[in-house]
Amino acid sequence: MEQRYTPADAPSKLIERDKQWLKEEILLDKNPEKKIACITFNRPEKLNTFVDSHYAYLAQLMSELDWDEEVKVVIFKGAGRCFGAGHDIAGLGIRHGIDTAGKGPRPSQRQRILVDRGGGVRGNFNLADCIRKSVKTTIAQVHSYCYGAHMFIMMACDMAVATPDALFTHPGFRYIGPTNDLGLLFHSLPLKIAKEMVLTGRALTAQEALQYGLINKVVSYDKIEEEVNKLAETAAALPFDGIVTGKCALEGVLDASGVGMGNYIGNLTHTLQTNMRYEPGEYNLLKQRRDKGIKGATVERESHWASEFGLRK
C-alpha cells in the first residue's frame, strides 16, 4: 500500500518514491503545433487535493516546460467536480512530523521550516512561485472550488477564467489565521477585501473575484473551454522571445512591489502557526482529526462555523 503521508523528504526523493501514480494524477498534454500545454489535476475522487509529492512534481514540470521549445502557453485545470480544494486534510500536520496520535516528540523548528520552505507551495520548492516566475504565459481554467494551494496557483497564473459557481479562499485561514503567500494575495486584492478573507476565511464568489480583479472573466461551463483556448491561442501568437523576456520583466516588477517578501514572510508565519496553542472553544483541526477521523473532523468544522457564526463559505 502506498505511504503518502510521511514527514516531508527532499523533493527529488518524493518524486522518485511516488512517480508511479504522480503521472496519473498530474496529467500533461502538449499541442506542439499550437505551442500550448495543458496540466490537469486528476484526483477527482479527492477534489484534486495535493500531498507533498504533487507540489514537487508540479514544480519539476514547470521547470521543464520553461525549457520546452514546443510550449509558449500553459493552461491549468481540474478534473471532476472542481479546480482543486488545496492540501489533503489527511496530510496536514503529518508533513511537518507531527504525530497523529499526539504521543510522539514535537518536531523541531528546523524540520517545520524546511517543510515550509521546501515541501509546499512556498520557498525553495515553491510551486506558486515556479508558476509566477515561469517564462511561459500561464492561464487558470477554474470551476467550483478553488481553495488553498489551488487558489495560490490560480493567483500565480497570468490570467484566470472561472465559471459562475467558482469559490476562492484558503481553509487554513480558519484553522490558523492569516497564512501562506500573503504577498501574492495582498497584491491581487484590495486591502480590506484581502483582510476580510484572511481574518474570517470567507470565500469570494466568482462575481466578487471578477469585481476585485482576482480573475479576468466569468464564463458558463459550456463556454469556458472555448474561452480559455481562445486566450491561449491569442497569447501563443506573440513572439517567443518577446514572451520570455517580457515575463522576466514582469517577475522583476512583482518582486519590487513586495510579492517576493510576502512569500518569505509566509514561510516563517506558517512555521510558527504549526506550533500554535489553542484556547478552549477554538476549532483545532488536528485534534478533531485525531479524535473523530477525517470525515468527522470535516463535519465538525462545518458545524462549528455554521452554528457559531452562520458562515458556510
Protein backbone atom coordinates (compact mmCIF):
# COMPACT_ATOMS: atom_id res chain seq x y z
CA MET A 1 0.00 0.00 0.00
CA GLU A 2 1.28 3.47 -0.87
CA GLN A 3 2.52 5.52 2.07
CA ARG A 4 1.70 9.10 1.10
CA TYR A 5 1.56 10.85 4.44
CA THR A 6 5.03 10.85 5.91
CA PRO A 7 7.17 13.77 7.10
CA ALA A 8 8.43 15.63 4.05
CA ASP A 9 11.63 14.41 2.44
CA ALA A 10 13.75 16.14 -0.17
CA PRO A 11 11.54 16.92 -3.21
CA SER A 12 13.60 14.71 -5.53
CA LYS A 13 13.08 11.75 -3.19
CA LEU A 14 9.34 12.40 -3.05
CA ILE A 15 9.10 12.33 -6.84
CA GLU A 16 11.21 9.17 -7.11
CA ARG A 17 9.15 7.42 -4.44
CA ASP A 18 5.76 8.30 -5.92
CA LYS A 19 6.47 8.58 -9.64
CA GLN A 20 4.20 5.62 -10.45
CA TRP A 21 0.98 7.45 -9.56
CA LEU A 22 2.12 11.06 -9.99
CA LYS A 23 1.89 10.86 -13.78
CA GLU A 24 -1.68 9.62 -13.42
CA GLU A 25 -2.75 12.35 -11.01
CA ILE A 26 -0.96 15.23 -12.76
CA LEU A 27 -1.64 14.97 -16.47
CA LEU A 28 0.42 16.84 -19.07
CA ASP A 29 -0.86 17.24 -22.60
CA LYS A 30 1.00 19.23 -25.27
CA ASN A 31 -0.02 20.60 -28.64
CA PRO A 32 3.31 21.44 -30.34
CA GLU A 33 1.56 22.88 -33.39
CA LYS A 34 -0.25 25.50 -31.29
CA LYS A 35 2.59 25.64 -28.73
CA ILE A 36 0.14 25.14 -25.87
CA ALA A 37 0.44 22.71 -22.94
CA CYS A 38 -2.31 21.72 -20.51
CA ILE A 39 -1.74 20.49 -16.96
CA THR A 40 -4.77 18.76 -15.44
CA PHE A 41 -5.13 17.99 -11.73
CA ASN A 42 -6.53 14.47 -11.96
CA ARG A 43 -7.51 13.33 -8.49
CA PRO A 44 -11.26 13.94 -8.73
CA GLU A 45 -12.26 11.48 -6.00
CA LYS A 46 -10.28 13.69 -3.57
CA LEU A 47 -11.36 17.02 -5.11
CA ASN A 48 -7.87 17.20 -6.68
CA THR A 49 -6.28 17.82 -3.29
CA PHE A 50 -2.48 17.70 -3.05
CA VAL A 51 0.05 15.85 -0.95
CA ASP A 52 3.72 16.86 -0.87
CA SER A 53 4.65 14.78 -3.90
CA HIS A 54 2.20 16.69 -6.08
CA TYR A 55 3.87 20.02 -5.29
CA ALA A 56 7.31 18.64 -6.01
CA TYR A 57 6.23 17.01 -9.27
CA LEU A 58 4.32 20.08 -10.50
CA ALA A 59 7.27 22.33 -9.73
CA GLN A 60 9.52 19.97 -11.69
CA LEU A 61 7.08 20.04 -14.63
CA MET A 62 7.06 23.85 -14.64
CA SER A 63 10.85 23.91 -14.68
CA GLU A 64 10.91 21.51 -17.62
CA LEU A 65 8.25 23.48 -19.50
CA ASP A 66 10.31 26.65 -19.13
CA TRP A 67 12.95 24.96 -21.29
CA ASP A 68 10.46 23.40 -23.72
CA GLU A 69 10.76 24.93 -27.20
CA GLU A 70 7.36 23.49 -28.15
CA VAL A 71 5.43 25.42 -25.48
CA LYS A 72 4.59 29.12 -25.20
CA VAL A 73 1.45 28.85 -23.03
CA VAL A 74 0.48 26.58 -20.13
CA ILE A 75 -3.14 26.02 -19.07
CA PHE A 76 -4.09 24.65 -15.63
CA LYS A 77 -7.40 22.93 -14.99
CA GLY A 78 -9.00 20.36 -12.70
CA ALA A 79 -10.77 17.09 -13.48
CA GLY A 80 -14.14 16.26 -11.98
CA ARG A 81 -16.14 18.48 -9.64
CA CYS A 82 -13.68 21.32 -9.11
CA PHE A 83 -10.40 23.03 -9.95
CA GLY A 84 -8.91 21.95 -6.62
CA ALA A 85 -9.54 22.05 -2.86
CA GLY A 86 -5.99 22.62 -1.59
CA HIS A 87 -3.98 20.28 0.60
CA ASP A 88 -5.32 16.83 1.50
CA ILE A 89 -6.62 17.02 5.08
CA ALA A 90 -5.11 13.58 5.76
CA GLY A 91 -1.63 15.00 5.29
CA LEU A 92 -1.95 18.18 7.36
CA GLY A 93 0.47 18.30 10.28
CA ILE A 94 1.96 14.93 9.40
CA ARG A 95 4.03 16.60 6.70
CA HIS A 96 5.72 18.62 9.47
CA GLY A 97 6.43 15.49 11.51
CA ILE A 98 3.52 15.86 13.97
CA ASP A 99 2.39 12.53 15.44
CA THR A 100 -1.30 11.92 14.65
CA ALA A 101 -1.79 10.16 17.99
CA GLY A 102 -0.38 13.16 19.86
CA LYS A 103 2.16 11.00 21.71
CA GLY A 104 5.36 11.41 19.70
CA PRO A 105 8.04 14.07 20.18
CA ARG A 106 7.33 17.55 18.89
CA PRO A 107 9.04 18.20 15.56
CA SER A 108 11.93 20.65 15.67
CA GLN A 109 11.73 24.17 14.29
CA ARG A 110 14.27 23.24 11.60
CA GLN A 111 12.06 20.38 10.44
CA ARG A 112 9.00 22.61 10.35
CA ILE A 113 10.68 25.45 8.48
CA LEU A 114 12.38 23.15 5.94
CA VAL A 115 8.96 21.73 5.09
CA ASP A 116 7.51 25.21 4.68
CA ARG A 117 10.46 26.41 2.62
CA GLY A 118 10.78 23.27 0.54
CA GLY A 119 7.78 20.95 0.74
CA GLY A 120 4.72 23.01 -0.06
CA VAL A 121 3.64 25.92 -2.22
CA ARG A 122 6.29 28.25 -0.77
CA GLY A 123 10.06 28.56 -0.50
CA ASN A 124 12.85 26.89 -2.45
CA PHE A 125 10.49 24.35 -3.95
CA ASN A 126 7.68 26.86 -4.20
CA LEU A 127 5.06 25.74 -6.68
CA ALA A 128 3.18 29.04 -6.80
CA ASP A 129 6.50 30.84 -7.20
CA CYS A 130 7.52 28.46 -10.01
CA ILE A 131 4.34 29.42 -11.81
CA ARG A 132 4.63 33.15 -11.09
CA LYS A 133 8.24 33.15 -12.29
CA SER A 134 7.63 30.93 -15.30
CA VAL A 135 8.79 32.40 -18.61
CA LYS A 136 5.71 30.95 -20.30
CA THR A 137 2.25 32.53 -20.32
CA THR A 138 0.03 30.76 -17.77
CA ILE A 139 -3.78 30.56 -17.61
CA ALA A 140 -6.01 29.03 -14.93
CA GLN A 141 -9.32 27.46 -16.00
CA VAL A 142 -11.30 27.41 -12.75
CA HIS A 143 -14.57 25.75 -11.86
CA SER A 144 -16.22 25.29 -8.46
CA TYR A 145 -13.78 25.12 -5.52
CA CYS A 146 -10.52 27.00 -5.90
CA TYR A 147 -9.21 26.57 -2.37
CA GLY A 148 -5.89 26.62 -0.56
CA ALA A 149 -2.88 25.79 -2.70
CA HIS A 150 -5.06 25.82 -5.81
CA MET A 151 -6.10 29.41 -5.14
CA PHE A 152 -2.43 30.42 -4.89
CA ILE A 153 -1.70 28.56 -8.12
CA MET A 154 -4.55 30.46 -9.78
CA MET A 155 -3.25 33.80 -8.44
CA ALA A 156 0.25 32.99 -9.67
CA CYS A 157 -1.07 32.50 -13.21
CA ASP A 158 -1.01 35.41 -15.65
CA MET A 159 -4.73 35.08 -16.38
CA ALA A 160 -7.71 33.23 -14.92
CA VAL A 161 -11.17 32.39 -16.24
CA ALA A 162 -13.84 30.95 -13.93
CA THR A 163 -17.34 29.51 -14.01
CA PRO A 164 -20.17 31.30 -12.12
CA ASP A 165 -20.07 28.79 -9.24
CA ALA A 166 -16.35 29.23 -8.52
CA LEU A 167 -15.33 29.98 -4.91
CA PHE A 168 -11.97 31.32 -3.74
CA THR A 169 -10.39 31.09 -0.29
CA HIS A 170 -7.95 29.11 1.87
CA PRO A 171 -9.39 26.78 4.56
CA GLY A 172 -6.24 27.37 6.59
CA PHE A 173 -7.36 30.92 7.35
CA ARG A 174 -9.95 29.41 9.70
CA TYR A 175 -7.62 26.78 11.11
CA ILE A 176 -4.68 29.00 11.96
CA GLY A 177 -5.38 32.54 10.76
CA PRO A 178 -3.59 34.57 8.04
CA THR A 179 -1.04 32.28 6.45
CA ASN A 180 0.80 31.29 3.27
CA ASP A 181 1.81 33.62 0.44
CA LEU A 182 0.25 36.82 1.73
CA GLY A 183 2.34 38.93 -0.65
CA LEU A 184 0.63 37.38 -3.66
CA LEU A 185 -2.82 37.62 -2.04
CA PHE A 186 -2.49 41.24 -0.96
CA HIS A 187 -1.08 42.17 -4.36
CA SER A 188 -4.09 40.54 -6.06
CA LEU A 189 -6.91 42.01 -3.92
CA PRO A 190 -7.85 45.37 -2.38
CA LEU A 191 -6.51 45.63 1.17
CA LYS A 192 -9.82 45.48 3.04
CA ILE A 193 -11.08 42.56 0.96
CA ALA A 194 -7.86 40.61 1.45
CA LYS A 195 -8.01 41.25 5.19
CA GLU A 196 -11.63 40.12 5.33
CA MET A 197 -10.69 36.88 3.58
CA VAL A 198 -7.70 36.03 5.79
CA LEU A 199 -9.33 37.14 9.06
CA THR A 200 -12.70 35.40 8.55
CA GLY A 201 -11.99 32.70 5.95
CA ARG A 202 -14.99 33.76 3.88
CA ALA A 203 -14.81 32.62 0.26
CA LEU A 204 -15.15 35.09 -2.57
CA THR A 205 -17.71 34.25 -5.24
CA ALA A 206 -16.83 34.32 -8.92
CA GLN A 207 -18.54 37.69 -9.38
CA GLU A 208 -16.69 39.16 -6.39
CA ALA A 209 -13.39 37.78 -7.69
CA LEU A 210 -14.12 39.42 -11.05
CA GLN A 211 -15.10 42.71 -9.42
CA TYR A 212 -11.90 42.87 -7.39
CA GLY A 213 -9.63 41.84 -10.26
CA LEU A 214 -8.67 38.41 -8.94
CA ILE A 215 -9.81 36.80 -12.22
CA ASN A 216 -10.27 38.03 -15.78
CA LYS A 217 -13.63 36.61 -16.81
CA VAL A 218 -16.63 34.61 -15.63
CA VAL A 219 -17.87 32.21 -18.29
CA SER A 220 -20.51 29.47 -18.30
CA TYR A 221 -19.48 25.81 -18.12
CA ASP A 222 -20.33 25.22 -21.76
CA LYS A 223 -18.15 28.15 -22.90
CA ILE A 224 -15.16 28.11 -20.55
CA GLU A 225 -13.06 25.64 -22.55
CA GLU A 226 -13.59 27.67 -25.71
CA GLU A 227 -12.78 30.95 -23.94
CA VAL A 228 -9.59 29.63 -22.34
CA ASN A 229 -8.40 28.10 -25.62
CA LYS A 230 -9.03 31.42 -27.38
CA LEU A 231 -6.95 33.25 -24.76
CA ALA A 232 -4.18 30.66 -25.02
CA GLU A 233 -4.05 30.77 -28.82
CA THR A 234 -4.00 34.57 -28.81
CA ALA A 235 -1.18 34.60 -26.26
CA ALA A 236 0.74 31.96 -28.23
CA ALA A 237 0.66 34.20 -31.31
CA LEU A 238 3.15 36.57 -29.65
CA PRO A 239 6.87 36.21 -30.49
CA PHE A 240 8.54 33.52 -28.36
CA ASP A 241 11.45 35.74 -27.32
CA GLY A 242 9.03 38.54 -26.53
CA ILE A 243 7.06 36.34 -24.15
CA VAL A 244 10.14 35.09 -22.32
CA THR A 245 11.86 38.44 -21.92
CA GLY A 246 8.57 40.13 -21.03
CA LYS A 247 7.76 37.55 -18.37
CA CYS A 248 11.20 38.06 -16.81
CA ALA A 249 10.49 41.80 -16.67
CA LEU A 250 7.09 41.18 -15.04
CA GLU A 251 8.78 38.99 -12.43
CA GLY A 252 11.07 41.86 -11.51
CA VAL A 253 8.14 44.29 -11.22
CA LEU A 254 6.25 41.92 -8.91
CA ASP A 255 9.28 41.35 -6.71
CA ALA A 256 9.87 45.11 -6.49
CA SER A 257 6.25 45.53 -5.37
CA GLY A 258 6.81 43.24 -2.40
CA VAL A 259 5.38 39.93 -3.61
CA GLY A 260 8.68 38.11 -3.03
CA MET A 261 8.97 39.45 0.53
CA GLY A 262 5.41 38.35 1.25
CA ASN A 263 6.39 34.86 0.14
CA TYR A 264 9.37 34.85 2.51
CA ILE A 265 7.25 36.08 5.42
CA GLY A 266 4.67 33.40 4.59
CA ASN A 267 7.30 30.69 5.17
CA LEU A 268 8.08 31.92 8.66
CA THR A 269 4.46 32.62 9.55
CA HIS A 270 3.28 29.14 8.63
CA THR A 271 6.13 27.56 10.59
CA LEU A 272 5.06 29.44 13.72
CA GLN A 273 1.41 28.55 13.13
CA THR A 274 2.16 24.82 13.09
CA ASN A 275 3.17 25.26 16.74
CA MET A 276 0.07 27.11 17.96
CA ARG A 277 -1.68 26.73 21.31
CA TYR A 278 -5.45 26.54 21.04
CA GLU A 279 -7.68 28.08 23.69
CA PRO A 280 -10.92 26.41 24.92
CA GLY A 281 -13.69 26.64 22.32
CA GLU A 282 -11.34 27.22 19.39
CA TYR A 283 -11.51 24.79 16.48
CA ASN A 284 -8.42 22.54 16.41
CA LEU A 285 -8.39 20.57 13.15
CA LEU A 286 -5.59 18.19 14.08
CA LYS A 287 -7.23 17.30 17.41
CA GLN A 288 -10.60 16.77 15.73
CA ARG A 289 -8.98 14.58 13.08
CA ARG A 290 -7.26 12.52 15.78
CA ASP A 291 -10.46 12.10 17.83
CA LYS A 292 -13.09 11.82 15.08
CA GLY A 293 -11.25 10.86 11.91
CA ILE A 294 -11.09 12.83 8.67
CA LYS A 295 -14.82 12.74 7.89
CA GLY A 296 -15.78 13.56 11.46
CA ALA A 297 -13.33 16.46 11.59
CA THR A 298 -14.76 17.86 8.37
CA VAL A 299 -18.34 17.64 9.65
CA GLU A 300 -17.30 19.24 12.94
CA ARG A 301 -15.57 22.06 11.07
CA GLU A 302 -18.66 22.88 9.02
CA SER A 303 -20.88 22.62 12.09
CA HIS A 304 -18.61 24.89 14.13
CA TRP A 305 -18.58 27.72 11.61
CA ALA A 306 -22.22 27.39 10.55
CA SER A 307 -23.70 27.18 14.06
CA GLU A 308 -21.44 29.72 15.72
CA PHE A 309 -21.29 32.35 13.02
CA GLY A 310 -23.78 31.41 10.31
CA LEU A 311 -20.93 31.07 7.81
CA ARG A 312 -20.78 28.17 5.39
CA LYS A 313 -18.32 29.54 2.89
